[in-house]
Amino acid sequence: MSKFNIHQKLAQINDHWNPRIAAELNGQYVKLAKLKGKFTWHKHDHEDELFMVVKGNLEIHFRDRIEKLSAGDCLVIPKGEEHLPVAKDEVEVLLFEPKSTLNTGDQQNDFTKENLENI
């Protein structure tokens, strides 16, 4: 058990759409990432995921609406819900999701990160 500072961990990340593992608990990962641009439409068939914006503004596009998140905002995306994260400018996020969650869900493409690094 050791404390960590989210801002210090995020300062170590210099790329986008490449989540890092900051902590692990009860079969879940706490991940940190920087996002910029459009991601990929995807869904997670078996896992819910939580997005918390630490810094910046993030849009989560759904087929029928867009949710706009600012620093301090959280959004839980239920399993099976197709979504597209979009960051017009750089955004820092904390993700909380089961260890089995692949960042691109049901899609395999250049954004897919299968072996996440610890930070």
N, C-alpha and C. Protein backbone atom coordinates (compact mmCIF):
# COMPACT_ATOMS: atom_id res chain seq x y z
N MET A 1 0.86 -1.17 0.00
CA MET A 1 0.00 0.00 0.00
C MET A 1 0.90 1.23 0.00
N SER A 2 0.73 2.07 -1.02
CA SER A 2 1.46 3.33 -1.05
C SER A 2 0.64 4.36 -1.80
N LYS A 3 0.75 5.58 -1.33
CA LYS A 3 -0.01 6.64 -1.99
C LYS A 3 0.67 7.03 -3.30
N PHE A 4 -0.12 7.62 -4.19
CA PHE A 4 0.45 8.17 -5.41
C PHE A 4 -0.31 9.44 -5.75
N ASN A 5 0.34 10.29 -6.51
CA ASN A 5 -0.24 11.56 -6.90
C ASN A 5 -0.61 11.49 -8.38
N ILE A 6 -1.88 11.66 -8.67
CA ILE A 6 -2.37 11.56 -10.04
C ILE A 6 -1.66 12.55 -10.96
N HIS A 7 -1.48 13.78 -10.52
CA HIS A 7 -0.86 14.81 -11.36
C HIS A 7 0.60 14.47 -11.66
N GLN A 8 1.33 13.94 -10.67
CA GLN A 8 2.72 13.54 -10.90
C GLN A 8 2.80 12.38 -11.87
N LYS A 9 1.90 11.43 -11.74
CA LYS A 9 1.88 10.28 -12.66
C LYS A 9 1.55 10.74 -14.09
N LEU A 10 0.54 11.60 -14.22
CA LEU A 10 0.17 12.09 -15.55
C LEU A 10 1.30 12.88 -16.20
N ALA A 11 2.11 13.57 -15.40
CA ALA A 11 3.23 14.35 -15.94
C ALA A 11 4.28 13.44 -16.60
N GLN A 12 4.27 12.15 -16.26
CA GLN A 12 5.21 11.20 -16.85
C GLN A 12 4.74 10.65 -18.20
N ILE A 13 3.50 10.94 -18.57
CA ILE A 13 2.94 10.42 -19.82
C ILE A 13 3.13 11.46 -20.92
N ASN A 14 3.73 11.03 -22.03
CA ASN A 14 4.03 11.95 -23.13
C ASN A 14 3.37 11.55 -24.44
N ASP A 15 2.46 10.59 -24.40
CA ASP A 15 1.78 10.17 -25.62
C ASP A 15 0.27 10.14 -25.37
N HIS A 16 -0.48 9.85 -26.41
CA HIS A 16 -1.95 9.88 -26.32
C HIS A 16 -2.53 8.49 -26.60
N TRP A 17 -3.68 8.23 -25.97
CA TRP A 17 -4.46 7.00 -26.17
C TRP A 17 -3.66 5.76 -25.77
N ASN A 18 -2.80 5.90 -24.76
CA ASN A 18 -1.99 4.77 -24.29
C ASN A 18 -2.10 4.70 -22.77
N PRO A 19 -3.17 4.11 -22.25
CA PRO A 19 -3.41 4.09 -20.81
C PRO A 19 -2.30 3.37 -20.05
N ARG A 20 -2.01 3.88 -18.85
CA ARG A 20 -1.03 3.27 -17.95
C ARG A 20 -1.75 2.84 -16.67
N ILE A 21 -1.26 1.80 -16.04
CA ILE A 21 -1.85 1.31 -14.80
C ILE A 21 -1.22 2.04 -13.63
N ALA A 22 -2.06 2.74 -12.86
CA ALA A 22 -1.59 3.47 -11.68
C ALA A 22 -1.81 2.67 -10.41
N ALA A 23 -2.86 1.83 -10.40
CA ALA A 23 -3.18 1.04 -9.20
C ALA A 23 -4.08 -0.12 -9.61
N GLU A 24 -4.19 -1.08 -8.69
CA GLU A 24 -5.02 -2.26 -8.91
C GLU A 24 -5.76 -2.56 -7.62
N LEU A 25 -7.06 -2.87 -7.73
CA LEU A 25 -7.84 -3.25 -6.57
C LEU A 25 -9.04 -4.08 -6.98
N ASN A 26 -9.30 -5.14 -6.25
CA ASN A 26 -10.48 -5.98 -6.45
C ASN A 26 -10.74 -6.35 -7.91
N GLY A 27 -9.68 -6.72 -8.61
CA GLY A 27 -9.84 -7.12 -10.01
C GLY A 27 -10.06 -5.96 -10.95
N GLN A 28 -9.81 -4.75 -10.49
CA GLN A 28 -9.99 -3.53 -11.28
C GLN A 28 -8.65 -2.82 -11.45
N TYR A 29 -8.51 -2.08 -12.53
CA TYR A 29 -7.37 -1.20 -12.72
C TYR A 29 -7.82 0.24 -12.60
N VAL A 30 -6.97 1.05 -12.00
CA VAL A 30 -7.07 2.50 -12.07
C VAL A 30 -6.03 2.88 -13.12
N LYS A 31 -6.50 3.43 -14.24
CA LYS A 31 -5.61 3.77 -15.35
C LYS A 31 -5.58 5.28 -15.53
N LEU A 32 -4.43 5.76 -15.99
CA LEU A 32 -4.27 7.17 -16.31
C LEU A 32 -3.86 7.27 -17.77
N ALA A 33 -4.37 8.31 -18.45
CA ALA A 33 -4.04 8.49 -19.86
C ALA A 33 -4.19 9.94 -20.25
N LYS A 34 -3.50 10.28 -21.32
CA LYS A 34 -3.71 11.56 -21.99
C LYS A 34 -4.35 11.24 -23.33
N LEU A 35 -5.33 12.06 -23.70
CA LEU A 35 -6.09 11.85 -24.92
C LEU A 35 -6.01 13.11 -25.77
N LYS A 36 -5.98 12.92 -27.08
CA LYS A 36 -6.05 14.06 -28.00
C LYS A 36 -6.50 13.54 -29.36
N GLY A 37 -7.51 14.21 -29.93
CA GLY A 37 -8.07 13.81 -31.22
C GLY A 37 -9.24 12.85 -31.03
N LYS A 38 -9.58 12.16 -32.11
CA LYS A 38 -10.67 11.17 -32.07
C LYS A 38 -10.08 9.80 -31.82
N PHE A 39 -10.80 9.01 -31.03
CA PHE A 39 -10.39 7.63 -30.76
C PHE A 39 -11.00 6.74 -31.83
N THR A 40 -11.73 5.74 -31.46
CA THR A 40 -12.39 4.82 -32.40
C THR A 40 -13.74 4.42 -31.80
N TRP A 41 -14.74 4.26 -32.64
CA TRP A 41 -16.02 3.76 -32.16
C TRP A 41 -15.80 2.35 -31.63
N HIS A 42 -16.31 2.07 -30.43
CA HIS A 42 -16.15 0.74 -29.85
C HIS A 42 -17.14 0.55 -28.71
N LYS A 43 -17.20 -0.69 -28.22
CA LYS A 43 -18.01 -1.00 -27.04
C LYS A 43 -17.33 -2.11 -26.27
N HIS A 44 -17.68 -2.23 -25.03
CA HIS A 44 -17.16 -3.29 -24.17
C HIS A 44 -18.35 -4.19 -23.81
N ASP A 45 -18.35 -5.39 -24.34
CA ASP A 45 -19.50 -6.27 -24.17
C ASP A 45 -19.71 -6.76 -22.74
N HIS A 46 -18.62 -6.80 -21.93
CA HIS A 46 -18.74 -7.42 -20.61
C HIS A 46 -18.35 -6.50 -19.45
N GLU A 47 -17.91 -5.28 -19.74
CA GLU A 47 -17.42 -4.41 -18.67
C GLU A 47 -18.00 -3.01 -18.78
N ASP A 48 -18.36 -2.45 -17.63
CA ASP A 48 -18.65 -1.02 -17.53
C ASP A 48 -17.29 -0.33 -17.41
N GLU A 49 -17.24 0.95 -17.75
CA GLU A 49 -16.01 1.70 -17.52
C GLU A 49 -16.34 3.10 -17.03
N LEU A 50 -15.46 3.61 -16.19
CA LEU A 50 -15.63 4.94 -15.64
C LEU A 50 -14.56 5.86 -16.21
N PHE A 51 -14.98 7.00 -16.76
CA PHE A 51 -14.09 8.06 -17.18
C PHE A 51 -14.19 9.19 -16.16
N MET A 52 -13.06 9.67 -15.66
CA MET A 52 -13.01 10.87 -14.83
C MET A 52 -12.02 11.82 -15.48
N VAL A 53 -12.49 13.02 -15.83
CA VAL A 53 -11.61 14.01 -16.44
C VAL A 53 -10.84 14.71 -15.32
N VAL A 54 -9.53 14.65 -15.41
CA VAL A 54 -8.65 15.31 -14.45
C VAL A 54 -8.34 16.73 -14.92
N LYS A 55 -8.10 16.87 -16.23
CA LYS A 55 -7.77 18.17 -16.81
C LYS A 55 -8.26 18.22 -18.24
N GLY A 56 -8.87 19.33 -18.63
CA GLY A 56 -9.32 19.50 -20.01
C GLY A 56 -10.80 19.21 -20.18
N ASN A 57 -11.20 19.07 -21.44
CA ASN A 57 -12.59 18.83 -21.82
C ASN A 57 -12.65 17.65 -22.77
N LEU A 58 -13.55 16.73 -22.47
CA LEU A 58 -13.69 15.50 -23.24
C LEU A 58 -15.13 15.34 -23.68
N GLU A 59 -15.31 14.95 -24.93
CA GLU A 59 -16.63 14.58 -25.42
C GLU A 59 -16.68 13.06 -25.58
N ILE A 60 -17.76 12.48 -25.10
CA ILE A 60 -18.02 11.06 -25.36
C ILE A 60 -19.23 11.02 -26.27
N HIS A 61 -19.01 10.59 -27.50
CA HIS A 61 -20.09 10.51 -28.48
C HIS A 61 -20.76 9.15 -28.36
N PHE A 62 -22.07 9.19 -28.34
CA PHE A 62 -22.89 7.99 -28.42
C PHE A 62 -23.67 8.10 -29.72
N ARG A 63 -24.30 7.06 -30.15
CA ARG A 63 -25.03 7.10 -31.43
C ARG A 63 -26.19 8.10 -31.39
N ASP A 64 -26.71 8.41 -30.19
CA ASP A 64 -27.88 9.29 -30.11
C ASP A 64 -27.63 10.60 -29.35
N ARG A 65 -26.39 10.83 -28.88
CA ARG A 65 -26.12 12.04 -28.11
C ARG A 65 -24.62 12.20 -27.89
N ILE A 66 -24.24 13.35 -27.34
CA ILE A 66 -22.86 13.63 -26.96
C ILE A 66 -22.86 14.09 -25.51
N GLU A 67 -22.02 13.47 -24.68
CA GLU A 67 -21.82 13.90 -23.30
C GLU A 67 -20.53 14.70 -23.24
N LYS A 68 -20.62 15.93 -22.68
CA LYS A 68 -19.45 16.78 -22.56
C LYS A 68 -18.97 16.79 -21.12
N LEU A 69 -17.70 16.43 -20.92
CA LEU A 69 -17.12 16.32 -19.60
C LEU A 69 -16.00 17.34 -19.43
N SER A 70 -15.95 17.96 -18.26
CA SER A 70 -14.90 18.90 -17.89
C SER A 70 -14.16 18.36 -16.68
N ALA A 71 -13.09 19.03 -16.28
CA ALA A 71 -12.30 18.60 -15.14
C ALA A 71 -13.20 18.36 -13.93
N GLY A 72 -13.04 17.20 -13.32
CA GLY A 72 -13.84 16.81 -12.16
C GLY A 72 -15.08 16.00 -12.50
N ASP A 73 -15.48 15.98 -13.78
CA ASP A 73 -16.66 15.22 -14.19
C ASP A 73 -16.33 13.74 -14.37
N CYS A 74 -17.30 12.91 -14.03
CA CYS A 74 -17.18 11.45 -14.21
C CYS A 74 -18.36 10.96 -15.03
N LEU A 75 -18.12 9.90 -15.78
CA LEU A 75 -19.18 9.26 -16.55
C LEU A 75 -18.94 7.76 -16.54
N VAL A 76 -19.96 7.01 -16.17
CA VAL A 76 -19.90 5.56 -16.25
C VAL A 76 -20.57 5.14 -17.55
N ILE A 77 -19.85 4.41 -18.37
CA ILE A 77 -20.39 3.91 -19.63
C ILE A 77 -20.74 2.44 -19.42
N PRO A 78 -22.03 2.12 -19.52
CA PRO A 78 -22.46 0.73 -19.29
C PRO A 78 -21.93 -0.21 -20.37
N LYS A 79 -21.70 -1.45 -19.97
CA LYS A 79 -21.26 -2.45 -20.94
C LYS A 79 -22.24 -2.51 -22.10
N GLY A 80 -21.69 -2.72 -23.29
CA GLY A 80 -22.50 -2.82 -24.49
C GLY A 80 -22.86 -1.50 -25.15
N GLU A 81 -22.51 -0.38 -24.52
CA GLU A 81 -22.86 0.95 -25.06
C GLU A 81 -21.74 1.42 -25.99
N GLU A 82 -22.06 1.52 -27.29
CA GLU A 82 -21.07 1.97 -28.26
C GLU A 82 -20.76 3.45 -28.03
N HIS A 83 -19.47 3.79 -28.07
CA HIS A 83 -19.07 5.18 -27.78
C HIS A 83 -17.77 5.53 -28.50
N LEU A 84 -17.56 6.84 -28.62
CA LEU A 84 -16.38 7.40 -29.29
C LEU A 84 -15.86 8.57 -28.47
N PRO A 85 -14.74 8.43 -27.77
CA PRO A 85 -14.14 9.57 -27.07
C PRO A 85 -13.48 10.53 -28.07
N VAL A 86 -13.68 11.83 -27.83
CA VAL A 86 -13.09 12.86 -28.68
C VAL A 86 -12.52 13.96 -27.78
N ALA A 87 -11.23 14.27 -27.99
CA ALA A 87 -10.56 15.32 -27.23
C ALA A 87 -10.01 16.34 -28.24
N LYS A 88 -10.67 17.49 -28.34
CA LYS A 88 -10.20 18.51 -29.30
C LYS A 88 -8.82 19.02 -28.92
N ASP A 89 -8.58 19.20 -27.64
CA ASP A 89 -7.27 19.54 -27.09
C ASP A 89 -6.89 18.43 -26.12
N GLU A 90 -5.66 18.44 -25.67
CA GLU A 90 -5.21 17.38 -24.78
C GLU A 90 -6.06 17.32 -23.50
N VAL A 91 -6.41 16.10 -23.11
CA VAL A 91 -7.22 15.84 -21.92
C VAL A 91 -6.49 14.80 -21.08
N GLU A 92 -6.53 14.98 -19.77
CA GLU A 92 -5.98 14.00 -18.84
C GLU A 92 -7.15 13.30 -18.16
N VAL A 93 -7.11 11.95 -18.17
CA VAL A 93 -8.22 11.19 -17.60
C VAL A 93 -7.73 10.09 -16.67
N LEU A 94 -8.61 9.75 -15.75
CA LEU A 94 -8.49 8.55 -14.92
C LEU A 94 -9.58 7.61 -15.38
N LEU A 95 -9.23 6.36 -15.62
CA LEU A 95 -10.18 5.34 -16.03
C LEU A 95 -10.22 4.27 -14.94
N PHE A 96 -11.40 3.82 -14.62
CA PHE A 96 -11.56 2.75 -13.63
C PHE A 96 -12.38 1.66 -14.28
N GLU A 97 -11.76 0.48 -14.43
CA GLU A 97 -12.43 -0.59 -15.16
C GLU A 97 -11.82 -1.94 -14.80
N PRO A 98 -12.54 -3.03 -15.06
CA PRO A 98 -12.01 -4.36 -14.79
C PRO A 98 -10.69 -4.60 -15.53
N LYS A 99 -9.84 -5.43 -14.96
CA LYS A 99 -8.55 -5.73 -15.56
C LYS A 99 -8.68 -6.30 -16.97
N SER A 100 -9.78 -6.97 -17.25
CA SER A 100 -9.98 -7.61 -18.55
C SER A 100 -10.34 -6.63 -19.66
N THR A 101 -10.58 -5.36 -19.33
CA THR A 101 -11.04 -4.39 -20.31
C THR A 101 -9.95 -4.00 -21.30
N LEU A 102 -10.17 -4.26 -22.56
CA LEU A 102 -9.28 -3.83 -23.63
C LEU A 102 -9.69 -2.42 -24.03
N ASN A 103 -8.73 -1.53 -24.20
CA ASN A 103 -9.06 -0.12 -24.44
C ASN A 103 -9.94 0.10 -25.67
N THR A 104 -9.81 -0.73 -26.68
CA THR A 104 -10.63 -0.59 -27.88
C THR A 104 -11.82 -1.56 -27.91
N GLY A 105 -12.07 -2.21 -26.78
CA GLY A 105 -13.25 -3.07 -26.67
C GLY A 105 -13.35 -4.12 -27.74
N ASP A 106 -14.40 -4.03 -28.55
CA ASP A 106 -14.68 -5.03 -29.58
C ASP A 106 -13.93 -4.76 -30.89
N GLN A 107 -13.05 -3.78 -30.90
CA GLN A 107 -12.30 -3.42 -32.10
C GLN A 107 -10.81 -3.72 -31.91
N GLN A 108 -10.14 -4.10 -32.96
CA GLN A 108 -8.68 -4.28 -32.97
C GLN A 108 -8.15 -3.35 -34.06
N ASN A 109 -7.34 -2.36 -33.66
CA ASN A 109 -6.78 -1.43 -34.64
C ASN A 109 -5.51 -0.80 -34.06
N ASP A 110 -5.04 0.26 -34.68
CA ASP A 110 -3.79 0.91 -34.25
C ASP A 110 -3.87 1.48 -32.84
N PHE A 111 -5.07 1.74 -32.33
CA PHE A 111 -5.24 2.26 -30.97
C PHE A 111 -5.16 1.16 -29.90
N THR A 112 -5.29 -0.09 -30.29
CA THR A 112 -5.36 -1.19 -29.32
C THR A 112 -4.05 -1.33 -28.54
N LYS A 113 -4.18 -1.37 -27.23
CA LYS A 113 -3.04 -1.57 -26.31
C LYS A 113 -3.34 -2.78 -25.45
N GLU A 114 -2.68 -3.90 -25.72
CA GLU A 114 -2.97 -5.14 -25.01
C GLU A 114 -2.14 -5.32 -23.75
N ASN A 115 -0.93 -4.85 -23.72
CA ASN A 115 -0.04 -5.01 -22.57
C ASN A 115 0.27 -3.64 -21.99
N LEU A 116 -0.49 -3.25 -20.99
CA LEU A 116 -0.35 -1.92 -20.41
C LEU A 116 0.84 -1.86 -19.47
N GLU A 117 1.50 -0.69 -19.49
CA GLU A 117 2.62 -0.44 -18.59
C GLU A 117 2.10 0.08 -17.26
N ASN A 118 2.85 -0.22 -16.21
CA ASN A 118 2.60 0.40 -14.91
C ASN A 118 3.29 1.74 -14.88
N ILE A 119 2.69 2.68 -14.17
CA ILE A 119 3.30 3.99 -14.04
C ILE A 119 3.42 4.35 -12.57
